[in-house]
Amino acid sequence: MDLFKVLGGHADKLNESGWSYVTQVMQNSTTKVGIYLLIFFLIFEIAKIFETANKNNEGTVVPITMFQASVNALLAGALVAGSVFILPFINEIVVGGINLIKDTGSYNIFAPASLQGVSWTDGIGKVISWLITYLVGAGASIIIVVVVSLRTFQLYVYTILAPIAFSSFASSEYRSIGVGFAKQYCAKALQGFVILIILGLSNSFSAPDPKGAVAGGFVSLIQPIIVAVLILQSEKYAKSVVGLGG
């Protein structure tokens, strides 16, 4: 797996057939739904303005309030119509950060322990030790691949649903839905950068070299486990950065 291509690739080039499906669904479905919801939010907002005016201003609608509602509707319309361009642009910002760290270290996924130098004549203990090391390394690698692949899949799902969430910007009361969605997408995009940082640290971190074969074997097992756990928590770290609290 080319991590830089998957984590730092352009949204429309991560998977061409997948991106084609994203654009088709947005064009034929979610963008239209987003527009319908935008109209609903706008009507709701205008009704609320008139209700407030009737209560507090003897039936007079304050022009600046109507102007604010119009601006909100225009903003929501731009976000709904431009979601297919706006979300990849957010991802491009993270891509820039990823490209800046490409040459600063090694970002390889764990390779399972090699069978070289191990034979049945070495004794069952050594074979079992190799098998455990192999399984731990393979397990950690599978976890990393699953998390990386899942992130790409989720980015496409978020992009499809964006027009629906962004329609809420037309309402001052429900705008938090769109803001929260945008933060979620930023966190998902930033997760790729966090994953690379974790892998870079794991490949450059010098673990203590305890004396004794048993202790040394434990060190070789612990590092893949720690990295796998950190990769699973990478989304939590990314959410904390954008203010979602993990």
C-alpha atoms as a PDB file:
ATOM      1  CA  MET A   1       0.000   0.000   0.000  1.00  0.00           C
ATOM      2  CA  ASP A   2       1.319   3.428  -0.985  1.00  0.00           C
ATOM      3  CA  LEU A   3       0.468   5.379   2.169  1.00  0.00           C
ATOM      4  CA  PHE A   4       1.297   8.752   0.620  1.00  0.00           C
ATOM      5  CA  LYS A   5      -1.051   8.070  -2.280  1.00  0.00           C
ATOM      6  CA  VAL A   6      -3.871   6.878  -0.020  1.00  0.00           C
ATOM      7  CA  LEU A   7      -3.476   9.393   2.819  1.00  0.00           C
ATOM      8  CA  GLY A   8      -2.135  12.310   0.802  1.00  0.00           C
ATOM      9  CA  GLY A   9      -3.843  11.791  -2.535  1.00  0.00           C
ATOM     10  CA  HIS A  10      -6.383  14.058  -4.162  1.00  0.00           C
ATOM     11  CA  ALA A  11      -9.935  13.152  -3.188  1.00  0.00           C
ATOM     12  CA  ASP A  12     -10.944  12.605  -6.805  1.00  0.00           C
ATOM     13  CA  LYS A  13      -7.948  10.333  -7.440  1.00  0.00           C
ATOM     14  CA  LEU A  14      -8.064   8.064  -4.396  1.00  0.00           C
ATOM     15  CA  ASN A  15     -10.476   5.803  -6.233  1.00  0.00           C
ATOM     16  CA  GLU A  16     -11.715   6.950  -9.633  1.00  0.00           C
ATOM     17  CA  SER A  17     -14.776   4.697  -9.797  1.00  0.00           C
ATOM     18  CA  GLY A  18     -15.636   5.556  -6.189  1.00  0.00           C
ATOM     19  CA  TRP A  19     -15.351   9.290  -6.847  1.00  0.00           C
ATOM     20  CA  SER A  20     -17.515   8.916  -9.975  1.00  0.00           C
ATOM     21  CA  TYR A  21     -20.210   7.354  -7.807  1.00  0.00           C
ATOM     22  CA  VAL A  22     -19.861  10.186  -5.256  1.00  0.00           C
ATOM     23  CA  THR A  23     -20.404  12.890  -7.880  1.00  0.00           C
ATOM     24  CA  GLN A  24     -23.343  11.062  -9.450  1.00  0.00           C
ATOM     25  CA  VAL A  25     -25.146  10.597  -6.133  1.00  0.00           C
ATOM     26  CA  MET A  26     -24.513  14.224  -5.172  1.00  0.00           C
ATOM     27  CA  GLN A  27     -25.779  15.491  -8.509  1.00  0.00           C
ATOM     28  CA  ASN A  28     -28.855  13.269  -8.668  1.00  0.00           C
ATOM     29  CA  SER A  29     -29.821  13.073  -5.018  1.00  0.00           C
ATOM     30  CA  THR A  30     -28.189  14.781  -2.055  1.00  0.00           C
ATOM     31  CA  THR A  31     -27.683  18.192  -3.699  1.00  0.00           C
ATOM     32  CA  LYS A  32     -31.368  18.312  -4.603  1.00  0.00           C
ATOM     33  CA  VAL A  33     -32.344  17.220  -1.100  1.00  0.00           C
ATOM     34  CA  GLY A  34     -30.030  19.882   0.292  1.00  0.00           C
ATOM     35  CA  ILE A  35     -31.747  22.561  -1.813  1.00  0.00           C
ATOM     36  CA  TYR A  36     -35.179  21.430  -0.615  1.00  0.00           C
ATOM     37  CA  LEU A  37     -34.001  21.567   2.978  1.00  0.00           C
ATOM     38  CA  LEU A  38     -32.419  24.970   2.370  1.00  0.00           C
ATOM     39  CA  ILE A  39     -35.782  26.310   1.177  1.00  0.00           C
ATOM     40  CA  PHE A  40     -37.447  24.804   4.235  1.00  0.00           C
ATOM     41  CA  PHE A  41     -34.900  26.393   6.574  1.00  0.00           C
ATOM     42  CA  LEU A  42     -35.292  29.744   4.804  1.00  0.00           C
ATOM     43  CA  ILE A  43     -39.093  29.664   5.141  1.00  0.00           C
ATOM     44  CA  PHE A  44     -38.705  28.680   8.784  1.00  0.00           C
ATOM     45  CA  GLU A  45     -36.259  31.538   9.339  1.00  0.00           C
ATOM     46  CA  ILE A  46     -38.527  34.117   7.676  1.00  0.00           C
ATOM     47  CA  ALA A  47     -41.503  32.899   9.693  1.00  0.00           C
ATOM     48  CA  LYS A  48     -39.468  33.256  12.873  1.00  0.00           C
ATOM     49  CA  ILE A  49     -38.481  36.804  11.910  1.00  0.00           C
ATOM     50  CA  PHE A  50     -42.112  37.826  11.375  1.00  0.00           C
ATOM     51  CA  GLU A  51     -43.148  36.163  14.608  1.00  0.00           C
ATOM     52  CA  THR A  52     -40.468  38.028  16.548  1.00  0.00           C
ATOM     53  CA  ALA A  53     -41.391  41.308  14.838  1.00  0.00           C
ATOM     54  CA  ASN A  54     -45.061  40.855  15.684  1.00  0.00           C
ATOM     55  CA  LYS A  55     -44.210  40.346  19.323  1.00  0.00           C
ATOM     56  CA  ASN A  56     -41.542  42.976  19.822  1.00  0.00           C
ATOM     57  CA  ASN A  57     -41.860  45.582  17.094  1.00  0.00           C
ATOM     58  CA  GLU A  58     -45.581  46.092  16.488  1.00  0.00           C
ATOM     59  CA  GLY A  59     -45.590  44.135  13.262  1.00  0.00           C
ATOM     60  CA  THR A  60     -42.632  45.902  11.682  1.00  0.00           C
ATOM     61  CA  VAL A  61     -39.985  43.614  10.189  1.00  0.00           C
ATOM     62  CA  VAL A  62     -36.498  44.961  10.759  1.00  0.00           C
ATOM     63  CA  PRO A  63     -34.793  45.169   7.319  1.00  0.00           C
ATOM     64  CA  ILE A  64     -31.368  44.181   8.648  1.00  0.00           C
ATOM     65  CA  THR A  65     -32.822  40.950  10.031  1.00  0.00           C
ATOM     66  CA  MET A  66     -34.221  40.042   6.615  1.00  0.00           C
ATOM     67  CA  PHE A  67     -30.871  40.941   5.073  1.00  0.00           C
ATOM     68  CA  GLN A  68     -29.080  38.583   7.471  1.00  0.00           C
ATOM     69  CA  ALA A  69     -31.495  35.788   6.600  1.00  0.00           C
ATOM     70  CA  SER A  70     -30.821  36.385   2.894  1.00  0.00           C
ATOM     71  CA  VAL A  71     -27.063  36.295   3.420  1.00  0.00           C
ATOM     72  CA  ASN A  72     -27.371  33.041   5.382  1.00  0.00           C
ATOM     73  CA  ALA A  73     -29.465  31.533   2.592  1.00  0.00           C
ATOM     74  CA  LEU A  74     -26.913  32.564  -0.042  1.00  0.00           C
ATOM     75  CA  LEU A  75     -24.088  31.096   2.047  1.00  0.00           C
ATOM     76  CA  ALA A  76     -25.983  27.837   2.508  1.00  0.00           C
ATOM     77  CA  GLY A  77     -26.773  27.722  -1.218  1.00  0.00           C
ATOM     78  CA  ALA A  78     -23.106  28.193  -2.116  1.00  0.00           C
ATOM     79  CA  LEU A  79     -22.079  25.440   0.287  1.00  0.00           C
ATOM     80  CA  VAL A  80     -24.756  23.034  -0.955  1.00  0.00           C
ATOM     81  CA  ALA A  81     -23.967  23.622  -4.622  1.00  0.00           C
ATOM     82  CA  GLY A  82     -20.203  23.656  -4.131  1.00  0.00           C
ATOM     83  CA  SER A  83     -19.802  20.733  -1.723  1.00  0.00           C
ATOM     84  CA  VAL A  84     -18.149  18.588  -4.371  1.00  0.00           C
ATOM     85  CA  PHE A  85     -15.397  21.222  -4.627  1.00  0.00           C
ATOM     86  CA  ILE A  86     -15.268  22.550  -1.055  1.00  0.00           C
ATOM     87  CA  LEU A  87     -14.618  19.266   0.780  1.00  0.00           C
ATOM     88  CA  PRO A  88     -11.784  18.138  -1.528  1.00  0.00           C
ATOM     89  CA  PHE A  89     -10.260  21.604  -1.023  1.00  0.00           C
ATOM     90  CA  ILE A  90     -10.247  20.998   2.742  1.00  0.00           C
ATOM     91  CA  ASN A  91      -8.532  17.678   2.098  1.00  0.00           C
ATOM     92  CA  GLU A  92      -5.979  19.428  -0.116  1.00  0.00           C
ATOM     93  CA  ILE A  93      -4.823  21.494   2.881  1.00  0.00           C
ATOM     94  CA  VAL A  94      -3.987  18.264   4.725  1.00  0.00           C
ATOM     95  CA  VAL A  95      -2.358  16.911   1.567  1.00  0.00           C
ATOM     96  CA  GLY A  96       0.009  19.877   1.677  1.00  0.00           C
ATOM     97  CA  GLY A  97       1.021  19.009   5.237  1.00  0.00           C
ATOM     98  CA  ILE A  98       1.532  15.371   4.297  1.00  0.00           C
ATOM     99  CA  ASN A  99       3.737  16.284   1.342  1.00  0.00           C
ATOM    100  CA  LEU A 100       5.925  18.392   3.634  1.00  0.00           C
ATOM    101  CA  ILE A 101       6.838  15.391   5.810  1.00  0.00           C
ATOM    102  CA  LYS A 102       7.432  12.882   3.028  1.00  0.00           C
ATOM    103  CA  ASP A 103      11.215  13.091   3.206  1.00  0.00           C
ATOM    104  CA  THR A 104      11.582  13.509   6.971  1.00  0.00           C
ATOM    105  CA  GLY A 105      11.539   9.829   7.911  1.00  0.00           C
ATOM    106  CA  SER A 106      10.339   6.322   7.206  1.00  0.00           C
ATOM    107  CA  TYR A 107       6.598   5.655   7.076  1.00  0.00           C
ATOM    108  CA  ASN A 108       6.419   1.930   6.422  1.00  0.00           C
ATOM    109  CA  ILE A 109       3.776  -0.375   7.813  1.00  0.00           C
ATOM    110  CA  PHE A 110       5.138  -3.174   9.974  1.00  0.00           C
ATOM    111  CA  ALA A 111       6.427  -6.140   8.034  1.00  0.00           C
ATOM    112  CA  PRO A 112       5.693  -9.507   9.683  1.00  0.00           C
ATOM    113  CA  ALA A 113       8.727 -11.245  11.115  1.00  0.00           C
ATOM    114  CA  SER A 114      10.771 -13.068   8.509  1.00  0.00           C
ATOM    115  CA  LEU A 115      11.080 -16.855   8.692  1.00  0.00           C
ATOM    116  CA  GLN A 116      14.718 -16.590   7.667  1.00  0.00           C
ATOM    117  CA  GLY A 117      17.028 -18.263  10.156  1.00  0.00           C
ATOM    118  CA  VAL A 118      14.215 -20.189  11.853  1.00  0.00           C
ATOM    119  CA  SER A 119      13.881 -23.930  11.453  1.00  0.00           C
ATOM    120  CA  TRP A 120      12.267 -26.771  13.382  1.00  0.00           C
ATOM    121  CA  THR A 121      15.723 -27.971  14.383  1.00  0.00           C
ATOM    122  CA  ASP A 122      16.169 -24.776  16.437  1.00  0.00           C
ATOM    123  CA  GLY A 123      13.646 -26.032  18.920  1.00  0.00           C
ATOM    124  CA  ILE A 124       9.957 -25.517  19.451  1.00  0.00           C
ATOM    125  CA  GLY A 125      10.598 -22.470  21.666  1.00  0.00           C
ATOM    126  CA  LYS A 126      12.244 -20.462  18.898  1.00  0.00           C
ATOM    127  CA  VAL A 127       9.563 -21.447  16.390  1.00  0.00           C
ATOM    128  CA  ILE A 128       6.796 -20.418  18.800  1.00  0.00           C
ATOM    129  CA  SER A 129       8.591 -17.123  19.442  1.00  0.00           C
ATOM    130  CA  TRP A 130       8.764 -16.440  15.706  1.00  0.00           C
ATOM    131  CA  LEU A 131       5.098 -17.390  15.278  1.00  0.00           C
ATOM    132  CA  ILE A 132       3.974 -14.994  18.015  1.00  0.00           C
ATOM    133  CA  THR A 133       6.092 -12.191  16.583  1.00  0.00           C
ATOM    134  CA  TYR A 134       4.698 -12.886  13.110  1.00  0.00           C
ATOM    135  CA  LEU A 135       1.075 -12.885  14.285  1.00  0.00           C
ATOM    136  CA  VAL A 136       1.504  -9.662  16.276  1.00  0.00           C
ATOM    137  CA  GLY A 137       3.183  -7.882  13.351  1.00  0.00           C
ATOM    138  CA  ALA A 138       0.615  -9.181  10.871  1.00  0.00           C
ATOM    139  CA  GLY A 139      -2.241  -8.190  13.177  1.00  0.00           C
ATOM    140  CA  ALA A 140      -0.873  -4.670  13.598  1.00  0.00           C
ATOM    141  CA  SER A 141      -0.449  -4.341   9.826  1.00  0.00           C
ATOM    142  CA  ILE A 142      -4.021  -5.480   9.199  1.00  0.00           C
ATOM    143  CA  ILE A 143      -5.360  -2.939  11.717  1.00  0.00           C
ATOM    144  CA  ILE A 144      -3.416  -0.133  10.042  1.00  0.00           C
ATOM    145  CA  VAL A 145      -4.616  -1.113   6.550  1.00  0.00           C
ATOM    146  CA  VAL A 146      -8.238  -1.350   7.742  1.00  0.00           C
ATOM    147  CA  VAL A 147      -8.126   2.073   9.447  1.00  0.00           C
ATOM    148  CA  VAL A 148      -6.470   3.707   6.420  1.00  0.00           C
ATOM    149  CA  SER A 149      -8.960   2.148   3.988  1.00  0.00           C
ATOM    150  CA  LEU A 150     -11.910   2.986   6.238  1.00  0.00           C
ATOM    151  CA  ARG A 151     -10.855   6.642   6.368  1.00  0.00           C
ATOM    152  CA  THR A 152     -10.880   6.895   2.573  1.00  0.00           C
ATOM    153  CA  PHE A 153     -14.314   5.276   2.422  1.00  0.00           C
ATOM    154  CA  GLN A 154     -15.645   7.633   5.104  1.00  0.00           C
ATOM    155  CA  LEU A 155     -14.328  10.700   3.261  1.00  0.00           C
ATOM    156  CA  TYR A 156     -16.478   9.738   0.286  1.00  0.00           C
ATOM    157  CA  VAL A 157     -19.533   9.143   2.486  1.00  0.00           C
ATOM    158  CA  TYR A 158     -19.052  12.546   4.144  1.00  0.00           C
ATOM    159  CA  THR A 159     -18.771  14.189   0.725  1.00  0.00           C
ATOM    160  CA  ILE A 160     -22.038  12.620  -0.458  1.00  0.00           C
ATOM    161  CA  LEU A 161     -23.917  13.781   2.650  1.00  0.00           C
ATOM    162  CA  ALA A 162     -22.396  17.280   2.722  1.00  0.00           C
ATOM    163  CA  PRO A 163     -25.178  19.100   0.787  1.00  0.00           C
ATOM    164  CA  ILE A 164     -27.767  17.907   3.296  1.00  0.00           C
ATOM    165  CA  ALA A 165     -25.738  19.030   6.301  1.00  0.00           C
ATOM    166  CA  PHE A 166     -24.702  22.350   4.745  1.00  0.00           C
ATOM    167  CA  SER A 167     -28.312  23.331   4.078  1.00  0.00           C
ATOM    168  CA  SER A 168     -28.611  24.020   7.827  1.00  0.00           C
ATOM    169  CA  PHE A 169     -26.466  27.158   7.395  1.00  0.00           C
ATOM    170  CA  ALA A 170     -29.627  28.872   6.180  1.00  0.00           C
ATOM    171  CA  SER A 171     -31.015  28.698   9.718  1.00  0.00           C
ATOM    172  CA  SER A 172     -29.509  30.542  12.665  1.00  0.00           C
ATOM    173  CA  GLU A 173     -31.036  27.948  14.977  1.00  0.00           C
ATOM    174  CA  TYR A 174     -29.788  24.826  13.206  1.00  0.00           C
ATOM    175  CA  ARG A 175     -26.504  26.146  11.787  1.00  0.00           C
ATOM    176  CA  SER A 176     -24.619  24.115  14.396  1.00  0.00           C
ATOM    177  CA  ILE A 177     -25.459  20.988  12.364  1.00  0.00           C
ATOM    178  CA  GLY A 178     -23.442  22.244   9.410  1.00  0.00           C
ATOM    179  CA  VAL A 179     -20.623  23.537  11.612  1.00  0.00           C
ATOM    180  CA  GLY A 180     -20.377  20.190  13.400  1.00  0.00           C
ATOM    181  CA  PHE A 181     -20.375  18.330  10.077  1.00  0.00           C
ATOM    182  CA  ALA A 182     -17.590  20.539   8.717  1.00  0.00           C
ATOM    183  CA  LYS A 183     -15.526  19.865  11.840  1.00  0.00           C
ATOM    184  CA  GLN A 184     -16.124  16.129  11.478  1.00  0.00           C
ATOM    185  CA  TYR A 185     -14.879  16.217   7.902  1.00  0.00           C
ATOM    186  CA  CYS A 186     -11.818  18.271   8.858  1.00  0.00           C
ATOM    187  CA  ALA A 187     -11.037  15.728  11.577  1.00  0.00           C
ATOM    188  CA  LYS A 188     -11.398  12.853   9.131  1.00  0.00           C
ATOM    189  CA  ALA A 189      -9.095  14.570   6.632  1.00  0.00           C
ATOM    190  CA  LEU A 190      -6.574  15.412   9.366  1.00  0.00           C
ATOM    191  CA  GLN A 191      -6.575  11.783  10.525  1.00  0.00           C
ATOM    192  CA  GLY A 192      -4.397  10.886   7.547  1.00  0.00           C
ATOM    193  CA  PHE A 193      -1.718  13.307   8.747  1.00  0.00           C
ATOM    194  CA  VAL A 194      -1.951  11.890  12.286  1.00  0.00           C
ATOM    195  CA  ILE A 195      -1.556   8.328  10.996  1.00  0.00           C
ATOM    196  CA  LEU A 196       1.624   9.251   9.123  1.00  0.00           C
ATOM    197  CA  ILE A 197       3.037  10.969  12.221  1.00  0.00           C
ATOM    198  CA  ILE A 198       2.383   7.826  14.291  1.00  0.00           C
ATOM    199  CA  LEU A 199       4.046   5.588  11.687  1.00  0.00           C
ATOM    200  CA  GLY A 200       6.966   7.990  11.344  1.00  0.00           C
ATOM    201  CA  LEU A 201       7.538   7.975  15.101  1.00  0.00           C
ATOM    202  CA  SER A 202       7.298   4.194  15.243  1.00  0.00           C
ATOM    203  CA  ASN A 203       9.964   3.800  12.549  1.00  0.00           C
ATOM    204  CA  SER A 204      12.361   6.312  14.114  1.00  0.00           C
ATOM    205  CA  PHE A 205      11.720   5.671  17.793  1.00  0.00           C
ATOM    206  CA  SER A 206      14.554   3.818  19.495  1.00  0.00           C
ATOM    207  CA  ALA A 207      13.131   1.458  22.076  1.00  0.00           C
ATOM    208  CA  PRO A 208      15.229   0.429  25.068  1.00  0.00           C
ATOM    209  CA  ASP A 209      17.427  -2.604  24.433  1.00  0.00           C
ATOM    210  CA  PRO A 210      16.931  -4.769  27.524  1.00  0.00           C
ATOM    211  CA  LYS A 211      19.344  -7.560  28.202  1.00  0.00           C
ATOM    212  CA  GLY A 212      18.166 -11.105  27.755  1.00  0.00           C
ATOM    213  CA  ALA A 213      16.369 -12.864  24.921  1.00  0.00           C
ATOM    214  CA  VAL A 214      13.024 -12.903  26.716  1.00  0.00           C
ATOM    215  CA  ALA A 215      13.009  -9.169  27.456  1.00  0.00           C
ATOM    216  CA  GLY A 216      14.221  -8.361  23.959  1.00  0.00           C
ATOM    217  CA  GLY A 217      11.432 -10.482  22.518  1.00  0.00           C
ATOM    218  CA  PHE A 218       8.862  -8.574  24.544  1.00  0.00           C
ATOM    219  CA  VAL A 219      10.137  -5.267  23.139  1.00  0.00           C
ATOM    220  CA  SER A 220       9.697  -6.558  19.578  1.00  0.00           C
ATOM    221  CA  LEU A 221       6.092  -7.446  20.424  1.00  0.00           C
ATOM    222  CA  ILE A 222       5.171  -4.312  22.323  1.00  0.00           C
ATOM    223  CA  GLN A 223       6.000  -1.753  19.623  1.00  0.00           C
ATOM    224  CA  PRO A 224       3.567  -3.122  16.969  1.00  0.00           C
ATOM    225  CA  ILE A 225       0.839  -3.341  19.616  1.00  0.00           C
ATOM    226  CA  ILE A 226       1.410   0.250  20.744  1.00  0.00           C
ATOM    227  CA  VAL A 227       1.377   1.519  17.158  1.00  0.00           C
ATOM    228  CA  ALA A 228      -1.827  -0.407  16.369  1.00  0.00           C
ATOM    229  CA  VAL A 229      -3.524   1.095  19.433  1.00  0.00           C
ATOM    230  CA  LEU A 230      -2.375   4.606  18.468  1.00  0.00           C
ATOM    231  CA  ILE A 231      -3.634   4.125  14.906  1.00  0.00           C
ATOM    232  CA  LEU A 232      -7.034   3.105  16.278  1.00  0.00           C
ATOM    233  CA  GLN A 233      -7.034   6.316  18.329  1.00  0.00           C
ATOM    234  CA  SER A 234      -5.844   8.520  15.457  1.00  0.00           C
ATOM    235  CA  GLU A 235      -9.353   9.824  14.796  1.00  0.00           C
ATOM    236  CA  LYS A 236      -9.654  10.840  18.449  1.00  0.00           C
ATOM    237  CA  TYR A 237      -6.456  12.895  18.219  1.00  0.00           C
ATOM    238  CA  ALA A 238      -7.645  14.548  14.986  1.00  0.00           C
ATOM    239  CA  LYS A 239     -11.005  15.427  16.549  1.00  0.00           C
ATOM    240  CA  SER A 240      -9.273  17.051  19.488  1.00  0.00           C
ATOM    241  CA  VAL A 241      -7.373  19.351  17.129  1.00  0.00           C
ATOM    242  CA  VAL A 242     -10.599  20.656  15.503  1.00  0.00           C
ATOM    243  CA  GLY A 243     -12.343  21.079  18.851  1.00  0.00           C
ATOM    244  CA  LEU A 244     -14.572  17.999  18.913  1.00  0.00           C
ATOM    245  CA  GLY A 245     -13.002  16.611  22.053  1.00  0.00           C
ATOM    246  CA  GLY A 246     -12.383  13.132  20.611  1.00  0.00           C
END
